[in-house]
Amino acid sequence: MAENRRPYVCTLDEKTLEKAKRELNENPETRDQKINELREKFRKEKPEVKLPPDDSFLLRFLRNKKFDVERAYKMLLHYYNCRRKYPQLYTKYYPSAYKHIYELGFQRICPERDNDGRLVMVAGLGNLDPDRFSVNDLFTASLIMMDYILEDEETQVNGMVFVADHEGMTMKMFTKFGGVTTSRIKNDIFMNAIPLRMKAIHYIRQPDVFETIFNLIRPMISEKILKRFHFHGKEYGTLHDHVPSNILPTEFGGKLTENDCNYMDWFNKLMQCDAEFERMNQYGFPKASDILGGQAQGEDPSLGLTGTFKKLET
């Protein structure tokens, strides 16, 4: 039985909507038509892909690709393909499974946006014990965060700024969490399947070994994205030229105390999203267990990745 369609209802304020029109080619008069075209393209070309009834979900891909239906189709198709290519990342795809990681401040959302309305996420990476956490779990926790913040329309339009603190990072941690194979998979998913406008990536307090590691993965990153990377070392002043200090916590050279940041607010909201993630997990390509014989005839469920990218731990 077909699910009832869930039409999109715009929640953008006038200023953000004008920005969507100007930068993303969004037209309120043709928005629904574009959503319908995207659904129809899947119906004709990939009828086996089960799309969510939520028009708002399809819209985030259209916005990311400036309402080019063909490009939005390819990104959304890749979004679901990644679940087949890297199934180990999606076996427990709901927030509470990674509560122990979020509690460490692995990734946190700042309470205020920057001057351009962009969401600011900060991450403390040096306190992650490589013997305690698997690459898969950290990766999945990040993917869940991306899907969570993309529920917000303002973030879809204005994008996000990421600030990563590498204080305390060791070679062992870089080798496990930032190896070439792991980085290749990160790039495949984050750059090609997640409809997030990543406007800037800032690194602070990175150790000397960081440059060596980054140079290994540099060829995997497009020139367009490379221009959005900024390396500050211990120079907080250069970071604050891009991200105002009054919206950053003190450990990032900012002015916000722990009480000001109130990280528990978004954390508690995230922990309440399990049911919604479980609902969305039912969409996409049919699961192997739902197909006669365990997989579609003529298809390799690992897509040729067995023994190469099938296992992320290094």
C-alpha atoms as a PDB file:
ATOM      1  CA  MET A   1       0.000   0.000   0.000  1.00  0.00           C
ATOM      2  CA  ALA A   2       1.427   3.370  -1.032  1.00  0.00           C
ATOM      3  CA  GLU A   3       2.257   5.808   1.730  1.00  0.00           C
ATOM      4  CA  ASN A   4       0.546   9.139   1.912  1.00  0.00           C
ATOM      5  CA  ARG A   5       2.646  11.867   0.361  1.00  0.00           C
ATOM      6  CA  ARG A   6       3.950  14.440   2.829  1.00  0.00           C
ATOM      7  CA  PRO A   7       3.949  17.806   1.011  1.00  0.00           C
ATOM      8  CA  TYR A   8       6.646  20.329   1.771  1.00  0.00           C
ATOM      9  CA  VAL A   9       5.743  23.326   3.930  1.00  0.00           C
ATOM     10  CA  CYS A  10       8.238  26.185   3.821  1.00  0.00           C
ATOM     11  CA  THR A  11       9.557  27.432   7.182  1.00  0.00           C
ATOM     12  CA  LEU A  12      12.223  29.801   5.837  1.00  0.00           C
ATOM     13  CA  ASP A  13      12.096  33.455   6.805  1.00  0.00           C
ATOM     14  CA  GLU A  14      11.997  36.048   4.035  1.00  0.00           C
ATOM     15  CA  LYS A  15      15.748  36.794   4.168  1.00  0.00           C
ATOM     16  CA  THR A  16      16.784  33.143   3.881  1.00  0.00           C
ATOM     17  CA  LEU A  17      14.233  32.475   1.156  1.00  0.00           C
ATOM     18  CA  GLU A  18      15.661  35.361  -0.864  1.00  0.00           C
ATOM     19  CA  LYS A  19      19.123  33.829  -0.434  1.00  0.00           C
ATOM     20  CA  ALA A  20      17.777  30.474  -1.648  1.00  0.00           C
ATOM     21  CA  LYS A  21      16.384  32.180  -4.719  1.00  0.00           C
ATOM     22  CA  ARG A  22      19.616  34.037  -5.392  1.00  0.00           C
ATOM     23  CA  GLU A  23      22.182  31.290  -4.683  1.00  0.00           C
ATOM     24  CA  LEU A  24      20.271  28.036  -5.178  1.00  0.00           C
ATOM     25  CA  ASN A  25      17.866  28.926  -8.015  1.00  0.00           C
ATOM     26  CA  GLU A  26      14.922  28.152  -5.767  1.00  0.00           C
ATOM     27  CA  ASN A  27      11.588  29.324  -7.116  1.00  0.00           C
ATOM     28  CA  PRO A  28       8.573  28.865  -4.810  1.00  0.00           C
ATOM     29  CA  GLU A  29       6.283  28.760  -7.847  1.00  0.00           C
ATOM     30  CA  THR A  30       8.092  25.789  -9.438  1.00  0.00           C
ATOM     31  CA  ARG A  31       9.476  24.108  -6.304  1.00  0.00           C
ATOM     32  CA  ASP A  32       6.782  21.415  -6.147  1.00  0.00           C
ATOM     33  CA  GLN A  33       7.175  20.760  -9.865  1.00  0.00           C
ATOM     34  CA  LYS A  34      10.903  20.070  -9.393  1.00  0.00           C
ATOM     35  CA  ILE A  35      10.168  17.684  -6.536  1.00  0.00           C
ATOM     36  CA  ASN A  36       7.670  15.866  -8.737  1.00  0.00           C
ATOM     37  CA  GLU A  37      10.214  15.663 -11.575  1.00  0.00           C
ATOM     38  CA  LEU A  38      12.751  14.100  -9.223  1.00  0.00           C
ATOM     39  CA  ARG A  39      10.237  11.530  -8.004  1.00  0.00           C
ATOM     40  CA  GLU A  40       9.217  10.744 -11.564  1.00  0.00           C
ATOM     41  CA  LYS A  41      12.831  10.257 -12.641  1.00  0.00           C
ATOM     42  CA  PHE A  42      13.287   7.621  -9.948  1.00  0.00           C
ATOM     43  CA  ARG A  43       9.993   5.978 -10.918  1.00  0.00           C
ATOM     44  CA  LYS A  44      11.142   5.630 -14.525  1.00  0.00           C
ATOM     45  CA  GLU A  45      14.859   4.911 -14.107  1.00  0.00           C
ATOM     46  CA  LYS A  46      15.192   3.303 -10.658  1.00  0.00           C
ATOM     47  CA  PRO A  47      11.776   1.988  -9.674  1.00  0.00           C
ATOM     48  CA  GLU A  48      13.367  -0.400  -7.165  1.00  0.00           C
ATOM     49  CA  VAL A  49      14.454   2.554  -5.010  1.00  0.00           C
ATOM     50  CA  LYS A  50      11.802   3.285  -2.412  1.00  0.00           C
ATOM     51  CA  LEU A  51      11.689   7.026  -1.762  1.00  0.00           C
ATOM     52  CA  PRO A  52      10.378   8.553   1.467  1.00  0.00           C
ATOM     53  CA  PRO A  53       6.970  10.235   1.209  1.00  0.00           C
ATOM     54  CA  ASP A  54       8.537  13.395   2.664  1.00  0.00           C
ATOM     55  CA  ASP A  55       8.949  16.027  -0.055  1.00  0.00           C
ATOM     56  CA  SER A  56      11.228  17.954   2.314  1.00  0.00           C
ATOM     57  CA  PHE A  57      13.781  15.115   2.132  1.00  0.00           C
ATOM     58  CA  LEU A  58      14.012  15.299  -1.664  1.00  0.00           C
ATOM     59  CA  LEU A  59      14.160  19.083  -1.486  1.00  0.00           C
ATOM     60  CA  ARG A  60      17.479  19.095   0.386  1.00  0.00           C
ATOM     61  CA  PHE A  61      19.105  17.342  -2.597  1.00  0.00           C
ATOM     62  CA  LEU A  62      17.526  19.743  -5.072  1.00  0.00           C
ATOM     63  CA  ARG A  63      18.773  22.719  -3.080  1.00  0.00           C
ATOM     64  CA  ASN A  64      22.282  21.309  -2.900  1.00  0.00           C
ATOM     65  CA  LYS A  65      22.344  20.937  -6.685  1.00  0.00           C
ATOM     66  CA  LYS A  66      20.675  24.289  -7.346  1.00  0.00           C
ATOM     67  CA  PHE A  67      17.482  22.628  -8.559  1.00  0.00           C
ATOM     68  CA  ASP A  68      19.190  20.730 -11.339  1.00  0.00           C
ATOM     69  CA  VAL A  69      17.021  17.599 -11.270  1.00  0.00           C
ATOM     70  CA  GLU A  70      19.587  15.402 -13.030  1.00  0.00           C
ATOM     71  CA  ARG A  71      22.366  16.276 -10.567  1.00  0.00           C
ATOM     72  CA  ALA A  72      20.027  15.953  -7.585  1.00  0.00           C
ATOM     73  CA  TYR A  73      18.985  12.531  -8.865  1.00  0.00           C
ATOM     74  CA  LYS A  74      22.605  11.374  -9.066  1.00  0.00           C
ATOM     75  CA  MET A  75      23.394  12.574  -5.548  1.00  0.00           C
ATOM     76  CA  LEU A  76      20.290  11.007  -3.999  1.00  0.00           C
ATOM     77  CA  LEU A  77      20.956   7.763  -5.874  1.00  0.00           C
ATOM     78  CA  HIS A  78      24.529   7.791  -4.548  1.00  0.00           C
ATOM     79  CA  TYR A  79      23.195   8.501  -1.041  1.00  0.00           C
ATOM     80  CA  TYR A  80      21.331   5.201  -1.165  1.00  0.00           C
ATOM     81  CA  ASN A  81      24.090   3.409  -3.060  1.00  0.00           C
ATOM     82  CA  CYS A  82      26.504   4.195  -0.225  1.00  0.00           C
ATOM     83  CA  ARG A  83      24.318   2.149   2.069  1.00  0.00           C
ATOM     84  CA  ARG A  84      24.949  -0.837  -0.187  1.00  0.00           C
ATOM     85  CA  LYS A  85      28.628  -0.111  -0.722  1.00  0.00           C
ATOM     86  CA  TYR A  86      29.436   0.381   2.971  1.00  0.00           C
ATOM     87  CA  PRO A  87      26.806  -1.619   4.875  1.00  0.00           C
ATOM     88  CA  GLN A  88      29.001  -1.782   7.989  1.00  0.00           C
ATOM     89  CA  LEU A  89      28.335   1.939   8.496  1.00  0.00           C
ATOM     90  CA  TYR A  90      24.565   1.579   8.517  1.00  0.00           C
ATOM     91  CA  THR A  91      23.842  -1.520  10.609  1.00  0.00           C
ATOM     92  CA  LYS A  92      22.959   0.630  13.638  1.00  0.00           C
ATOM     93  CA  TYR A  93      21.963   3.873  12.025  1.00  0.00           C
ATOM     94  CA  TYR A  94      20.245   5.694  14.892  1.00  0.00           C
ATOM     95  CA  PRO A  95      21.653   8.280  17.347  1.00  0.00           C
ATOM     96  CA  SER A  96      21.431   6.490  20.695  1.00  0.00           C
ATOM     97  CA  ALA A  97      23.771   3.738  19.440  1.00  0.00           C
ATOM     98  CA  TYR A  98      26.569   6.346  19.516  1.00  0.00           C
ATOM     99  CA  LYS A  99      25.613   8.197  22.683  1.00  0.00           C
ATOM    100  CA  HIS A 100      28.993   7.336  24.250  1.00  0.00           C
ATOM    101  CA  ILE A 101      30.777   9.132  21.392  1.00  0.00           C
ATOM    102  CA  TYR A 102      28.629  12.268  21.392  1.00  0.00           C
ATOM    103  CA  GLU A 103      29.007  12.567  25.172  1.00  0.00           C
ATOM    104  CA  LEU A 104      32.767  13.055  24.731  1.00  0.00           C
ATOM    105  CA  GLY A 105      32.221  16.214  22.718  1.00  0.00           C
ATOM    106  CA  PHE A 106      33.308  14.509  19.513  1.00  0.00           C
ATOM    107  CA  GLN A 107      31.080  16.903  17.566  1.00  0.00           C
ATOM    108  CA  ARG A 108      29.094  19.775  19.016  1.00  0.00           C
ATOM    109  CA  ILE A 109      26.803  22.401  17.569  1.00  0.00           C
ATOM    110  CA  CYS A 110      27.419  25.984  18.650  1.00  0.00           C
ATOM    111  CA  PRO A 111      24.317  27.770  19.997  1.00  0.00           C
ATOM    112  CA  GLU A 112      24.611  30.714  17.581  1.00  0.00           C
ATOM    113  CA  ARG A 113      25.137  30.886  13.821  1.00  0.00           C
ATOM    114  CA  ASP A 114      27.847  33.005  12.228  1.00  0.00           C
ATOM    115  CA  ASN A 115      27.274  36.344  10.502  1.00  0.00           C
ATOM    116  CA  ASP A 116      26.207  34.582   7.289  1.00  0.00           C
ATOM    117  CA  GLY A 117      23.626  32.415   9.036  1.00  0.00           C
ATOM    118  CA  ARG A 118      25.803  29.310   8.785  1.00  0.00           C
ATOM    119  CA  LEU A 119      25.651  26.619  11.422  1.00  0.00           C
ATOM    120  CA  VAL A 120      28.968  26.212  13.263  1.00  0.00           C
ATOM    121  CA  MET A 121      30.081  22.767  14.393  1.00  0.00           C
ATOM    122  CA  VAL A 122      33.169  22.221  16.535  1.00  0.00           C
ATOM    123  CA  ALA A 123      34.971  18.951  17.141  1.00  0.00           C
ATOM    124  CA  GLY A 124      37.570  17.932  19.703  1.00  0.00           C
ATOM    125  CA  LEU A 125      39.467  15.020  18.238  1.00  0.00           C
ATOM    126  CA  GLY A 126      42.380  14.639  20.624  1.00  0.00           C
ATOM    127  CA  ASN A 127      40.395  12.906  23.366  1.00  0.00           C
ATOM    128  CA  LEU A 128      39.322   9.962  21.203  1.00  0.00           C
ATOM    129  CA  ASP A 129      41.074   6.787  22.325  1.00  0.00           C
ATOM    130  CA  PRO A 130      41.984   4.781  19.184  1.00  0.00           C
ATOM    131  CA  ASP A 131      41.874   1.575  21.235  1.00  0.00           C
ATOM    132  CA  ARG A 132      38.357   2.273  22.478  1.00  0.00           C
ATOM    133  CA  PHE A 133      36.579   3.491  19.361  1.00  0.00           C
ATOM    134  CA  SER A 134      36.362   1.914  15.922  1.00  0.00           C
ATOM    135  CA  VAL A 135      36.631   3.932  12.729  1.00  0.00           C
ATOM    136  CA  ASN A 136      33.224   2.636  11.711  1.00  0.00           C
ATOM    137  CA  ASP A 137      31.528   3.960  14.855  1.00  0.00           C
ATOM    138  CA  LEU A 138      33.116   7.413  14.591  1.00  0.00           C
ATOM    139  CA  PHE A 139      32.255   7.602  10.914  1.00  0.00           C
ATOM    140  CA  THR A 140      28.643   6.568  11.464  1.00  0.00           C
ATOM    141  CA  ALA A 141      28.267   9.019  14.344  1.00  0.00           C
ATOM    142  CA  SER A 142      29.374  11.787  11.948  1.00  0.00           C
ATOM    143  CA  LEU A 143      26.954  10.664   9.236  1.00  0.00           C
ATOM    144  CA  ILE A 144      24.074  10.661  11.696  1.00  0.00           C
ATOM    145  CA  MET A 145      24.988  14.196  12.741  1.00  0.00           C
ATOM    146  CA  MET A 146      24.935  15.316   9.110  1.00  0.00           C
ATOM    147  CA  ASP A 147      21.490  13.853   8.522  1.00  0.00           C
ATOM    148  CA  TYR A 148      20.300  15.417  11.775  1.00  0.00           C
ATOM    149  CA  ILE A 149      21.450  18.958  11.042  1.00  0.00           C
ATOM    150  CA  LEU A 150      20.090  18.753   7.483  1.00  0.00           C
ATOM    151  CA  GLU A 151      16.577  18.545   8.916  1.00  0.00           C
ATOM    152  CA  ASP A 152      16.975  22.295   9.430  1.00  0.00           C
ATOM    153  CA  GLU A 153      16.058  24.317   6.349  1.00  0.00           C
ATOM    154  CA  GLU A 154      18.219  27.264   7.306  1.00  0.00           C
ATOM    155  CA  THR A 155      21.260  24.979   7.334  1.00  0.00           C
ATOM    156  CA  GLN A 156      20.314  23.568   3.937  1.00  0.00           C
ATOM    157  CA  VAL A 157      20.398  27.072   2.492  1.00  0.00           C
ATOM    158  CA  ASN A 158      23.184  28.783   4.469  1.00  0.00           C
ATOM    159  CA  GLY A 159      25.441  25.783   4.953  1.00  0.00           C
ATOM    160  CA  MET A 160      27.851  24.876   7.725  1.00  0.00           C
ATOM    161  CA  VAL A 161      31.303  25.793   9.029  1.00  0.00           C
ATOM    162  CA  PHE A 162      33.382  23.062  10.678  1.00  0.00           C
ATOM    163  CA  VAL A 163      36.130  23.772  13.232  1.00  0.00           C
ATOM    164  CA  ALA A 164      38.327  20.856  14.309  1.00  0.00           C
ATOM    165  CA  ASP A 165      40.756  20.940  17.234  1.00  0.00           C
ATOM    166  CA  HIS A 166      43.635  18.482  16.758  1.00  0.00           C
ATOM    167  CA  GLU A 167      45.325  19.107  20.080  1.00  0.00           C
ATOM    168  CA  GLY A 168      46.559  15.760  21.436  1.00  0.00           C
ATOM    169  CA  MET A 169      46.258  13.893  18.141  1.00  0.00           C
ATOM    170  CA  THR A 170      48.988  11.253  17.788  1.00  0.00           C
ATOM    171  CA  MET A 171      50.339   9.348  14.807  1.00  0.00           C
ATOM    172  CA  LYS A 172      48.450   6.278  16.009  1.00  0.00           C
ATOM    173  CA  MET A 173      45.205   8.247  15.981  1.00  0.00           C
ATOM    174  CA  PHE A 174      45.874   9.722  12.544  1.00  0.00           C
ATOM    175  CA  THR A 175      46.761   6.286  11.179  1.00  0.00           C
ATOM    176  CA  LYS A 176      43.547   4.747  12.455  1.00  0.00           C
ATOM    177  CA  PHE A 177      41.088   7.595  11.994  1.00  0.00           C
ATOM    178  CA  GLY A 178      42.579   9.404   9.018  1.00  0.00           C
ATOM    179  CA  GLY A 179      44.256   6.788   6.856  1.00  0.00           C
ATOM    180  CA  VAL A 180      44.134   6.893   3.075  1.00  0.00           C
ATOM    181  CA  THR A 181      41.491   4.162   2.712  1.00  0.00           C
ATOM    182  CA  THR A 182      39.281   5.727   5.374  1.00  0.00           C
ATOM    183  CA  SER A 183      39.688   9.169   3.805  1.00  0.00           C
ATOM    184  CA  ARG A 184      38.748   7.796   0.390  1.00  0.00           C
ATOM    185  CA  ILE A 185      35.474   6.484   1.779  1.00  0.00           C
ATOM    186  CA  LYS A 186      34.817   9.719   3.693  1.00  0.00           C
ATOM    187  CA  ASN A 187      35.285  11.663   0.485  1.00  0.00           C
ATOM    188  CA  ASP A 188      32.984   9.321  -1.427  1.00  0.00           C
ATOM    189  CA  ILE A 189      30.176   9.839   1.065  1.00  0.00           C
ATOM    190  CA  PHE A 190      30.595  13.353   2.440  1.00  0.00           C
ATOM    191  CA  MET A 191      31.477  15.017  -0.850  1.00  0.00           C
ATOM    192  CA  ASN A 192      29.207  13.063  -3.174  1.00  0.00           C
ATOM    193  CA  ALA A 193      26.218  11.836  -1.155  1.00  0.00           C
ATOM    194  CA  ILE A 194      25.511  14.311   1.660  1.00  0.00           C
ATOM    195  CA  PRO A 195      23.566  17.402   0.486  1.00  0.00           C
ATOM    196  CA  LEU A 196      25.312  19.765   2.886  1.00  0.00           C
ATOM    197  CA  ARG A 197      26.859  23.068   1.823  1.00  0.00           C
ATOM    198  CA  MET A 198      30.200  22.810   3.619  1.00  0.00           C
ATOM    199  CA  LYS A 199      31.336  26.421   3.390  1.00  0.00           C
ATOM    200  CA  ALA A 200      34.585  26.219   5.371  1.00  0.00           C
ATOM    201  CA  ILE A 201      36.727  23.723   7.287  1.00  0.00           C
ATOM    202  CA  HIS A 202      39.083  25.129   9.910  1.00  0.00           C
ATOM    203  CA  TYR A 203      41.858  23.196  11.653  1.00  0.00           C
ATOM    204  CA  ILE A 204      43.489  24.452  14.833  1.00  0.00           C
ATOM    205  CA  ARG A 205      46.360  23.185  17.000  1.00  0.00           C
ATOM    206  CA  GLN A 206      47.268  20.550  14.428  1.00  0.00           C
ATOM    207  CA  PRO A 207      50.556  18.698  15.199  1.00  0.00           C
ATOM    208  CA  ASP A 208      53.542  18.622  12.824  1.00  0.00           C
ATOM    209  CA  VAL A 209      52.558  15.197  11.475  1.00  0.00           C
ATOM    210  CA  PHE A 210      49.243  16.609  10.262  1.00  0.00           C
ATOM    211  CA  GLU A 211      50.738  18.169   7.138  1.00  0.00           C
ATOM    212  CA  THR A 212      52.253  14.839   6.090  1.00  0.00           C
ATOM    213  CA  ILE A 213      48.938  13.032   6.550  1.00  0.00           C
ATOM    214  CA  PHE A 214      46.945  15.743   4.780  1.00  0.00           C
ATOM    215  CA  ASN A 215      49.277  15.704   1.775  1.00  0.00           C
ATOM    216  CA  LEU A 216      48.436  12.014   1.307  1.00  0.00           C
ATOM    217  CA  ILE A 217      44.735  12.692   0.993  1.00  0.00           C
ATOM    218  CA  ARG A 218      44.994  16.041  -0.823  1.00  0.00           C
ATOM    219  CA  PRO A 219      44.726  14.422  -4.307  1.00  0.00           C
ATOM    220  CA  MET A 220      41.304  13.013  -3.360  1.00  0.00           C
ATOM    221  CA  ILE A 221      39.852  16.467  -2.687  1.00  0.00           C
ATOM    222  CA  SER A 222      38.627  18.744  -5.462  1.00  0.00           C
ATOM    223  CA  GLU A 223      40.233  22.143  -5.966  1.00  0.00           C
ATOM    224  CA  LYS A 224      36.929  23.802  -5.133  1.00  0.00           C
ATOM    225  CA  ILE A 225      36.791  22.140  -1.720  1.00  0.00           C
ATOM    226  CA  LEU A 226      40.522  22.571  -1.051  1.00  0.00           C
ATOM    227  CA  LYS A 227      40.013  26.338  -1.169  1.00  0.00           C
ATOM    228  CA  ARG A 228      37.673  26.011   1.803  1.00  0.00           C
ATOM    229  CA  PHE A 229      40.317  24.454   4.065  1.00  0.00           C
ATOM    230  CA  HIS A 230      42.052  26.770   6.540  1.00  0.00           C
ATOM    231  CA  PHE A 231      44.961  25.825   8.807  1.00  0.00           C
ATOM    232  CA  HIS A 232      45.515  28.032  11.843  1.00  0.00           C
ATOM    233  CA  GLY A 233      47.839  26.140  14.178  1.00  0.00           C
ATOM    234  CA  LYS A 234      47.742  27.974  17.493  1.00  0.00           C
ATOM    235  CA  GLU A 235      46.806  31.304  15.908  1.00  0.00           C
ATOM    236  CA  TYR A 236      43.269  31.798  17.164  1.00  0.00           C
ATOM    237  CA  GLY A 237      43.255  35.295  15.709  1.00  0.00           C
ATOM    238  CA  THR A 238      43.248  33.972  12.146  1.00  0.00           C
ATOM    239  CA  LEU A 239      40.402  31.595  13.046  1.00  0.00           C
ATOM    240  CA  HIS A 240      38.399  34.490  14.461  1.00  0.00           C
ATOM    241  CA  ASP A 241      38.845  36.376  11.207  1.00  0.00           C
ATOM    242  CA  HIS A 242      36.493  33.751   9.771  1.00  0.00           C
ATOM    243  CA  VAL A 243      34.424  32.635  12.778  1.00  0.00           C
ATOM    244  CA  PRO A 244      33.599  35.310  15.390  1.00  0.00           C
ATOM    245  CA  SER A 245      35.012  34.566  18.851  1.00  0.00           C
ATOM    246  CA  ASN A 246      31.716  35.477  20.512  1.00  0.00           C
ATOM    247  CA  ILE A 247      30.051  32.333  19.110  1.00  0.00           C
ATOM    248  CA  LEU A 248      32.932  29.930  19.890  1.00  0.00           C
ATOM    249  CA  PRO A 249      33.661  28.090  23.155  1.00  0.00           C
ATOM    250  CA  THR A 250      36.702  29.055  25.239  1.00  0.00           C
ATOM    251  CA  GLU A 251      38.733  26.001  24.157  1.00  0.00           C
ATOM    252  CA  PHE A 252      38.575  27.391  20.628  1.00  0.00           C
ATOM    253  CA  GLY A 253      39.792  30.787  21.774  1.00  0.00           C
ATOM    254  CA  GLY A 254      36.215  31.990  21.999  1.00  0.00           C
ATOM    255  CA  LYS A 255      34.185  33.746  24.657  1.00  0.00           C
ATOM    256  CA  LEU A 256      31.499  31.159  25.394  1.00  0.00           C
ATOM    257  CA  THR A 257      31.747  29.266  28.663  1.00  0.00           C
ATOM    258  CA  GLU A 258      30.436  25.723  29.026  1.00  0.00           C
ATOM    259  CA  ASN A 259      27.215  27.115  30.498  1.00  0.00           C
ATOM    260  CA  ASP A 260      26.839  29.485  27.536  1.00  0.00           C
ATOM    261  CA  CYS A 261      27.203  26.675  25.023  1.00  0.00           C
ATOM    262  CA  ASN A 262      24.433  24.487  26.469  1.00  0.00           C
ATOM    263  CA  TYR A 263      25.470  21.511  24.361  1.00  0.00           C
ATOM    264  CA  MET A 264      23.024  19.278  26.207  1.00  0.00           C
ATOM    265  CA  ASP A 265      20.135  20.989  24.432  1.00  0.00           C
ATOM    266  CA  TRP A 266      20.967  19.655  20.957  1.00  0.00           C
ATOM    267  CA  PHE A 267      22.326  16.411  22.448  1.00  0.00           C
ATOM    268  CA  ASN A 268      19.000  15.653  24.134  1.00  0.00           C
ATOM    269  CA  LYS A 269      17.102  16.488  20.952  1.00  0.00           C
ATOM    270  CA  LEU A 270      19.364  14.170  18.954  1.00  0.00           C
ATOM    271  CA  MET A 271      18.816  11.321  21.421  1.00  0.00           C
ATOM    272  CA  GLN A 272      15.067  11.620  20.831  1.00  0.00           C
ATOM    273  CA  CYS A 273      15.391  11.011  17.078  1.00  0.00           C
ATOM    274  CA  ASP A 274      15.827   7.223  17.034  1.00  0.00           C
ATOM    275  CA  ALA A 275      12.301   6.546  15.787  1.00  0.00           C
ATOM    276  CA  GLU A 276      12.656   9.011  12.905  1.00  0.00           C
ATOM    277  CA  PHE A 277      15.999   7.526  11.852  1.00  0.00           C
ATOM    278  CA  GLU A 278      14.539   4.019  12.000  1.00  0.00           C
ATOM    279  CA  ARG A 279      11.641   5.180   9.820  1.00  0.00           C
ATOM    280  CA  MET A 280      13.963   6.687   7.229  1.00  0.00           C
ATOM    281  CA  ASN A 281      16.178   3.585   7.262  1.00  0.00           C
ATOM    282  CA  GLN A 282      13.441   1.592   5.525  1.00  0.00           C
ATOM    283  CA  TYR A 283      13.832   3.585   2.307  1.00  0.00           C
ATOM    284  CA  GLY A 284      16.308   3.193  -0.517  1.00  0.00           C
ATOM    285  CA  PHE A 285      17.308  -0.005  -2.283  1.00  0.00           C
ATOM    286  CA  PRO A 286      15.663  -3.254  -1.170  1.00  0.00           C
ATOM    287  CA  LYS A 287      17.571  -5.013   1.587  1.00  0.00           C
ATOM    288  CA  ALA A 288      19.340  -8.221   0.562  1.00  0.00           C
ATOM    289  CA  SER A 289      17.129 -10.171   2.968  1.00  0.00           C
ATOM    290  CA  ASP A 290      14.062  -8.900   1.119  1.00  0.00           C
ATOM    291  CA  ILE A 291      15.242 -10.186  -2.249  1.00  0.00           C
ATOM    292  CA  LEU A 292      14.829 -13.760  -3.433  1.00  0.00           C
ATOM    293  CA  GLY A 293      18.066 -15.639  -2.830  1.00  0.00           C
ATOM    294  CA  GLY A 294      19.462 -12.896  -0.592  1.00  0.00           C
ATOM    295  CA  GLN A 295      20.452 -10.545  -3.420  1.00  0.00           C
ATOM    296  CA  ALA A 296      19.304  -9.297  -6.764  1.00  0.00           C
ATOM    297  CA  GLN A 297      20.316 -11.586  -9.608  1.00  0.00           C
ATOM    298  CA  GLY A 298      23.547 -10.509 -11.266  1.00  0.00           C
ATOM    299  CA  GLU A 299      24.384  -7.964  -8.561  1.00  0.00           C
ATOM    300  CA  ASP A 300      27.345  -8.051  -6.216  1.00  0.00           C
ATOM    301  CA  PRO A 301      25.982  -6.656  -2.931  1.00  0.00           C
ATOM    302  CA  SER A 302      29.473  -5.399  -1.987  1.00  0.00           C
ATOM    303  CA  LEU A 303      29.794  -3.657  -5.387  1.00  0.00           C
ATOM    304  CA  GLY A 304      33.300  -5.013  -5.788  1.00  0.00           C
ATOM    305  CA  LEU A 305      34.483  -3.615  -2.466  1.00  0.00           C
ATOM    306  CA  THR A 306      35.028  -6.895  -0.657  1.00  0.00           C
ATOM    307  CA  GLY A 307      38.549  -6.993   0.737  1.00  0.00           C
ATOM    308  CA  THR A 308      39.229  -3.407  -0.293  1.00  0.00           C
ATOM    309  CA  PHE A 309      36.866  -0.972   1.436  1.00  0.00           C
ATOM    310  CA  LYS A 310      34.580  -3.490   3.116  1.00  0.00           C
ATOM    311  CA  LYS A 311      36.318  -3.025   6.467  1.00  0.00           C
ATOM    312  CA  LEU A 312      37.386   0.474   7.508  1.00  0.00           C
ATOM    313  CA  GLU A 313      39.640  -0.334  10.456  1.00  0.00           C
ATOM    314  CA  THR A 314      43.309   0.018   9.590  1.00  0.00           C
END
